[in-house]
């Protein structure tokens, strides 16, 4: 069964956040767009406040480890 594109996007957002290269959600979103993810899916994730908060927290934690 193929993976839902939204969940693939969300997983990739967390992967990017954990690299320590990004400080904020909007930077992760820009990277996702550059990787070719559909803008509507990025907007859907953006509307999920809890997910954005968690991705932002991952960014901050990854940068503090660097």
PDB file of N, CA and C in Angstrom:
ATOM      1  N   UNK A   1       0.848  -1.179   0.000  1.00  0.00           N
ATOM      2  CA  UNK A   1       0.000   0.000   0.000  1.00  0.00           C
ATOM      3  C   UNK A   1       0.895   1.244   0.000  1.00  0.00           C
ATOM      4  N   UNK A   2       0.696   2.170  -0.940  1.00  0.00           N
ATOM      5  CA  UNK A   2       1.544   3.362  -1.015  1.00  0.00           C
ATOM      6  C   UNK A   2       1.321   4.294   0.175  1.00  0.00           C
ATOM      7  N   UNK A   3       2.391   4.987   0.540  1.00  0.00           N
ATOM      8  CA  UNK A   3       2.328   5.905   1.673  1.00  0.00           C
ATOM      9  C   UNK A   3       1.535   7.156   1.290  1.00  0.00           C
ATOM     10  N   UNK A   4       0.726   7.654   2.215  1.00  0.00           N
ATOM     11  CA  UNK A   4      -0.031   8.882   2.031  1.00  0.00           C
ATOM     12  C   UNK A   4       0.960  10.029   1.832  1.00  0.00           C
ATOM     13  N   UNK A   5       0.816  10.833   0.779  1.00  0.00           N
ATOM     14  CA  UNK A   5       1.763  11.922   0.518  1.00  0.00           C
ATOM     15  C   UNK A   5       1.865  12.930   1.665  1.00  0.00           C
ATOM     16  N   UNK A   6       0.777  13.147   2.392  1.00  0.00           N
ATOM     17  CA  UNK A   6       0.833  14.085   3.512  1.00  0.00           C
ATOM     18  C   UNK A   6       1.761  13.574   4.602  1.00  0.00           C
ATOM     19  N   UNK A   7       1.671  12.297   4.910  1.00  0.00           N
ATOM     20  CA  UNK A   7       2.517  11.743   5.956  1.00  0.00           C
ATOM     21  C   UNK A   7       3.969  11.656   5.511  1.00  0.00           C
ATOM     22  N   UNK A   8       4.194  11.443   4.222  1.00  0.00           N
ATOM     23  CA  UNK A   8       5.562  11.476   3.696  1.00  0.00           C
ATOM     24  C   UNK A   8       6.142  12.883   3.850  1.00  0.00           C
ATOM     25  N   UNK A   9       5.322  13.889   3.572  1.00  0.00           N
ATOM     26  CA  UNK A   9       5.736  15.288   3.746  1.00  0.00           C
ATOM     27  C   UNK A   9       6.051  15.575   5.207  1.00  0.00           C
ATOM     28  N   UNK A  10       5.175  15.176   6.098  1.00  0.00           N
ATOM     29  CA  UNK A  10       5.380  15.428   7.523  1.00  0.00           C
ATOM     30  C   UNK A  10       6.653  14.738   8.014  1.00  0.00           C
ATOM     31  N   UNK A  11       6.850  13.505   7.608  1.00  0.00           N
ATOM     32  CA  UNK A  11       8.060  12.782   8.011  1.00  0.00           C
ATOM     33  C   UNK A  11       9.312  13.482   7.490  1.00  0.00           C
ATOM     34  N   UNK A  12       9.257  13.943   6.250  1.00  0.00           N
ATOM     35  CA  UNK A  12      10.405  14.648   5.665  1.00  0.00           C
ATOM     36  C   UNK A  12      10.659  15.965   6.406  1.00  0.00           C
ATOM     37  N   UNK A  13       9.590  16.656   6.811  1.00  0.00           N
ATOM     38  CA  UNK A  13       9.744  17.905   7.569  1.00  0.00           C
ATOM     39  C   UNK A  13      10.500  17.637   8.864  1.00  0.00           C
ATOM     40  N   UNK A  14      10.164  16.574   9.558  1.00  0.00           N
ATOM     41  CA  UNK A  14      10.875  16.233  10.792  1.00  0.00           C
ATOM     42  C   UNK A  14      12.319  15.843  10.499  1.00  0.00           C
ATOM     43  N   UNK A  15      12.541  15.108   9.405  1.00  0.00           N
ATOM     44  CA  UNK A  15      13.912  14.756   9.025  1.00  0.00           C
ATOM     45  C   UNK A  15      14.749  16.009   8.804  1.00  0.00           C
ATOM     46  N   UNK A  16      14.189  16.960   8.073  1.00  0.00           N
ATOM     47  CA  UNK A  16      14.905  18.210   7.811  1.00  0.00           C
ATOM     48  C   UNK A  16      15.151  18.988   9.094  1.00  0.00           C
ATOM     49  N   UNK A  17      14.147  19.054   9.959  1.00  0.00           N
ATOM     50  CA  UNK A  17      14.276  19.792  11.214  1.00  0.00           C
ATOM     51  C   UNK A  17      15.399  19.219  12.070  1.00  0.00           C
ATOM     52  N   UNK A  18      15.557  17.918  12.035  1.00  0.00           N
ATOM     53  CA  UNK A  18      16.560  17.255  12.863  1.00  0.00           C
ATOM     54  C   UNK A  18      17.984  17.422  12.340  1.00  0.00           C
ATOM     55  N   UNK A  19      18.150  17.982  11.147  1.00  0.00           N
ATOM     56  CA  UNK A  19      19.498  18.168  10.603  1.00  0.00           C
ATOM     57  C   UNK A  19      20.246  19.303  11.290  1.00  0.00           C
ATOM     58  N   UNK A  20      19.525  20.243  11.899  1.00  0.00           N
ATOM     59  CA  UNK A  20      20.164  21.395  12.526  1.00  0.00           C
ATOM     60  C   UNK A  20      20.441  22.528  11.562  1.00  0.00           C
ATOM     61  N   UNK A  21      20.049  22.370  10.290  1.00  0.00           N
ATOM     62  CA  UNK A  21      20.289  23.414   9.287  1.00  0.00           C
ATOM     63  C   UNK A  21      19.214  24.490   9.284  1.00  0.00           C
ATOM     64  N   UNK A  22      18.102  24.227   9.960  1.00  0.00           N
ATOM     65  CA  UNK A  22      16.962  25.136   9.916  1.00  0.00           C
ATOM     66  C   UNK A  22      16.612  25.615  11.310  1.00  0.00           C
ATOM     67  N   UNK A  23      16.260  26.888  11.412  1.00  0.00           N
ATOM     68  CA  UNK A  23      15.924  27.455  12.708  1.00  0.00           C
ATOM     69  C   UNK A  23      14.439  27.624  12.946  1.00  0.00           C
ATOM     70  N   UNK A  24      13.667  27.578  11.856  1.00  0.00           N
ATOM     71  CA  UNK A  24      12.229  27.843  11.977  1.00  0.00           C
ATOM     72  C   UNK A  24      11.453  26.986  10.970  1.00  0.00           C
ATOM     73  N   UNK A  25      10.168  26.830  11.257  1.00  0.00           N
ATOM     74  CA  UNK A  25       9.272  26.072  10.388  1.00  0.00           C
ATOM     75  C   UNK A  25       9.261  26.636   8.969  1.00  0.00           C
ATOM     76  N   UNK A  26       9.221  27.946   8.801  1.00  0.00           N
ATOM     77  CA  UNK A  26       9.131  28.508   7.454  1.00  0.00           C
ATOM     78  C   UNK A  26      10.347  28.135   6.603  1.00  0.00           C
ATOM     79  N   UNK A  27      11.496  27.958   7.231  1.00  0.00           N
ATOM     80  CA  UNK A  27      12.678  27.525   6.490  1.00  0.00           C
ATOM     81  C   UNK A  27      12.538  26.066   6.066  1.00  0.00           C
ATOM     82  N   UNK A  28      11.984  25.260   6.937  1.00  0.00           N
ATOM     83  CA  UNK A  28      11.721  23.855   6.591  1.00  0.00           C
ATOM     84  C   UNK A  28      10.702  23.803   5.449  1.00  0.00           C
ATOM     85  N   UNK A  29       9.654  24.611   5.543  1.00  0.00           N
ATOM     86  CA  UNK A  29       8.627  24.635   4.494  1.00  0.00           C
ATOM     87  C   UNK A  29       9.229  25.027   3.150  1.00  0.00           C
ATOM     88  N   UNK A  30      10.134  25.989   3.141  1.00  0.00           N
ATOM     89  CA  UNK A  30      10.796  26.397   1.893  1.00  0.00           C
ATOM     90  C   UNK A  30      11.625  25.251   1.315  1.00  0.00           C
ATOM     91  N   UNK A  31      12.301  24.519   2.186  1.00  0.00           N
ATOM     92  CA  UNK A  31      13.086  23.372   1.729  1.00  0.00           C
ATOM     93  C   UNK A  31      12.181  22.288   1.147  1.00  0.00           C
ATOM     94  N   UNK A  32      11.044  22.072   1.783  1.00  0.00           N
ATOM     95  CA  UNK A  32      10.087  21.086   1.265  1.00  0.00           C
ATOM     96  C   UNK A  32       9.596  21.487  -0.115  1.00  0.00           C
ATOM     97  N   UNK A  33       9.310  22.765  -0.279  1.00  0.00           N
ATOM     98  CA  UNK A  33       8.857  23.267  -1.581  1.00  0.00           C
ATOM     99  C   UNK A  33       9.949  23.065  -2.628  1.00  0.00           C
ATOM    100  N   UNK A  34      11.196  23.366  -2.255  1.00  0.00           N
ATOM    101  CA  UNK A  34      12.318  23.193  -3.178  1.00  0.00           C
ATOM    102  C   UNK A  34      12.516  21.723  -3.558  1.00  0.00           C
ATOM    103  N   UNK A  35      12.157  20.820  -2.666  1.00  0.00           N
ATOM    104  CA  UNK A  35      12.263  19.385  -2.949  1.00  0.00           C
ATOM    105  C   UNK A  35      11.113  18.886  -3.821  1.00  0.00           C
ATOM    106  N   UNK A  36      10.133  19.754  -4.087  1.00  0.00           N
ATOM    107  CA  UNK A  36       9.061  19.377  -5.004  1.00  0.00           C
ATOM    108  C   UNK A  36       7.778  18.916  -4.348  1.00  0.00           C
ATOM    109  N   UNK A  37       7.650  19.075  -3.038  1.00  0.00           N
ATOM    110  CA  UNK A  37       6.391  18.716  -2.398  1.00  0.00           C
ATOM    111  C   UNK A  37       5.305  19.698  -2.814  1.00  0.00           C
ATOM    112  N   UNK A  38       4.099  19.216  -2.920  1.00  0.00           N
ATOM    113  CA  UNK A  38       2.947  19.999  -3.376  1.00  0.00           C
ATOM    114  C   UNK A  38       2.620  21.087  -2.354  1.00  0.00           C
ATOM    115  N   UNK A  39       2.436  22.308  -2.846  1.00  0.00           N
ATOM    116  CA  UNK A  39       2.168  23.463  -1.980  1.00  0.00           C
ATOM    117  C   UNK A  39       0.931  23.245  -1.108  1.00  0.00           C
ATOM    118  N   UNK A  40      -0.083  22.579  -1.637  1.00  0.00           N
ATOM    119  CA  UNK A  40      -1.308  22.343  -0.857  1.00  0.00           C
ATOM    120  C   UNK A  40      -1.027  21.455   0.362  1.00  0.00           C
ATOM    121  N   UNK A  41      -0.117  20.504   0.218  1.00  0.00           N
ATOM    122  CA  UNK A  41       0.232  19.647   1.348  1.00  0.00           C
ATOM    123  C   UNK A  41       1.051  20.420   2.379  1.00  0.00           C
ATOM    124  N   UNK A  42       1.950  21.286   1.917  1.00  0.00           N
ATOM    125  CA  UNK A  42       2.726  22.121   2.834  1.00  0.00           C
ATOM    126  C   UNK A  42       1.785  23.037   3.605  1.00  0.00           C
ATOM    127  N   UNK A  43       0.801  23.613   2.911  1.00  0.00           N
ATOM    128  CA  UNK A  43      -0.177  24.487   3.569  1.00  0.00           C
ATOM    129  C   UNK A  43      -1.002  23.699   4.586  1.00  0.00           C
ATOM    130  N   UNK A  44      -1.343  22.474   4.255  1.00  0.00           N
ATOM    131  CA  UNK A  44      -2.095  21.634   5.201  1.00  0.00           C
ATOM    132  C   UNK A  44      -1.281  21.381   6.467  1.00  0.00           C
ATOM    133  N   UNK A  45       0.003  21.117   6.303  1.00  0.00           N
ATOM    134  CA  UNK A  45       0.858  20.912   7.465  1.00  0.00           C
ATOM    135  C   UNK A  45       1.010  22.225   8.237  1.00  0.00           C
ATOM    136  N   UNK A  46       1.146  23.318   7.524  1.00  0.00           N
ATOM    137  CA  UNK A  46       1.262  24.640   8.157  1.00  0.00           C
ATOM    138  C   UNK A  46       0.047  24.937   9.043  1.00  0.00           C
ATOM    139  N   UNK A  47      -1.110  24.490   8.634  1.00  0.00           N
ATOM    140  CA  UNK A  47      -2.343  24.719   9.397  1.00  0.00           C
ATOM    141  C   UNK A  47      -2.451  23.858  10.648  1.00  0.00           C
ATOM    142  N   UNK A  48      -1.598  22.857  10.772  1.00  0.00           N
ATOM    143  CA  UNK A  48      -1.588  21.989  11.948  1.00  0.00           C
ATOM    144  C   UNK A  48      -0.640  22.610  12.980  1.00  0.00           C
ATOM    145  N   UNK A  49      -1.198  23.407  13.871  1.00  0.00           N
ATOM    146  CA  UNK A  49      -0.382  24.160  14.828  1.00  0.00           C
ATOM    147  C   UNK A  49       0.504  23.267  15.687  1.00  0.00           C
ATOM    148  N   UNK A  50      -0.021  22.139  16.088  1.00  0.00           N
ATOM    149  CA  UNK A  50       0.767  21.238  16.932  1.00  0.00           C
ATOM    150  C   UNK A  50       1.971  20.690  16.160  1.00  0.00           C
ATOM    151  N   UNK A  51       1.755  20.290  14.929  1.00  0.00           N
ATOM    152  CA  UNK A  51       2.865  19.766  14.119  1.00  0.00           C
ATOM    153  C   UNK A  51       3.918  20.843  13.894  1.00  0.00           C
ATOM    154  N   UNK A  52       3.487  22.071  13.589  1.00  0.00           N
ATOM    155  CA  UNK A  52       4.432  23.167  13.368  1.00  0.00           C
ATOM    156  C   UNK A  52       5.229  23.445  14.650  1.00  0.00           C
ATOM    157  N   UNK A  53       4.552  23.410  15.782  1.00  0.00           N
ATOM    158  CA  UNK A  53       5.242  23.626  17.056  1.00  0.00           C
ATOM    159  C   UNK A  53       6.294  22.529  17.284  1.00  0.00           C
ATOM    160  N   UNK A  54       5.935  21.298  16.992  1.00  0.00           N
ATOM    161  CA  UNK A  54       6.861  20.187  17.207  1.00  0.00           C
ATOM    162  C   UNK A  54       8.039  20.253  16.228  1.00  0.00           C
ATOM    163  N   UNK A  55       7.771  20.618  14.987  1.00  0.00           N
ATOM    164  CA  UNK A  55       8.851  20.758  14.001  1.00  0.00           C
ATOM    165  C   UNK A  55       9.786  21.889  14.417  1.00  0.00           C
ATOM    166  N   UNK A  56       9.212  23.006  14.867  1.00  0.00           N
ATOM    167  CA  UNK A  56      10.031  24.131  15.334  1.00  0.00           C
ATOM    168  C   UNK A  56      10.878  23.727  16.529  1.00  0.00           C
ATOM    169  N   UNK A  57      10.304  22.943  17.416  1.00  0.00           N
ATOM    170  CA  UNK A  57      11.048  22.465  18.587  1.00  0.00           C
ATOM    171  C   UNK A  57      12.192  21.554  18.150  1.00  0.00           C
ATOM    172  N   UNK A  58      11.945  20.709  17.174  1.00  0.00           N
ATOM    173  CA  UNK A  58      13.013  19.843  16.645  1.00  0.00           C
ATOM    174  C   UNK A  58      14.148  20.684  16.058  1.00  0.00           C
ATOM    175  N   UNK A  59      13.790  21.754  15.348  1.00  0.00           N
ATOM    176  CA  UNK A  59      14.805  22.661  14.791  1.00  0.00           C
ATOM    177  C   UNK A  59      15.670  23.223  15.912  1.00  0.00           C
ATOM    178  N   UNK A  60      15.034  23.733  16.952  1.00  0.00           N
ATOM    179  CA  UNK A  60      15.755  24.353  18.060  1.00  0.00           C
ATOM    180  C   UNK A  60      16.640  23.331  18.779  1.00  0.00           C
ATOM    181  N   UNK A  61      16.124  22.143  19.008  1.00  0.00           N
ATOM    182  CA  UNK A  61      16.911  21.119  19.703  1.00  0.00           C
ATOM    183  C   UNK A  61      18.105  20.688  18.866  1.00  0.00           C
ATOM    184  N   UNK A  62      17.888  20.538  17.564  1.00  0.00           N
ATOM    185  CA  UNK A  62      18.984  20.115  16.678  1.00  0.00           C
ATOM    186  C   UNK A  62      20.063  21.195  16.622  1.00  0.00           C
ATOM    187  N   UNK A  63      19.671  22.441  16.595  1.00  0.00           N
ATOM    188  CA  UNK A  63      20.659  23.515  16.564  1.00  0.00           C
ATOM    189  C   UNK A  63      21.407  23.617  17.876  1.00  0.00           C
ATOM    190  N   UNK A  64      20.756  23.322  18.980  1.00  0.00           N
ATOM    191  CA  UNK A  64      21.440  23.403  20.272  1.00  0.00           C
ATOM    192  C   UNK A  64      22.463  22.268  20.434  1.00  0.00           C
ATOM    193  N   UNK A  65      22.270  21.175  19.716  1.00  0.00           N
ATOM    194  CA  UNK A  65      23.217  20.050  19.767  1.00  0.00           C
ATOM    195  C   UNK A  65      24.423  20.291  18.873  1.00  0.00           C
ATOM    196  N   UNK A  66      24.252  21.174  17.910  1.00  0.00           N
ATOM    197  CA  UNK A  66      25.335  21.402  16.914  1.00  0.00           C
ATOM    198  C   UNK A  66      26.493  22.176  17.501  1.00  0.00           C
TER     199      UNK A  66
END
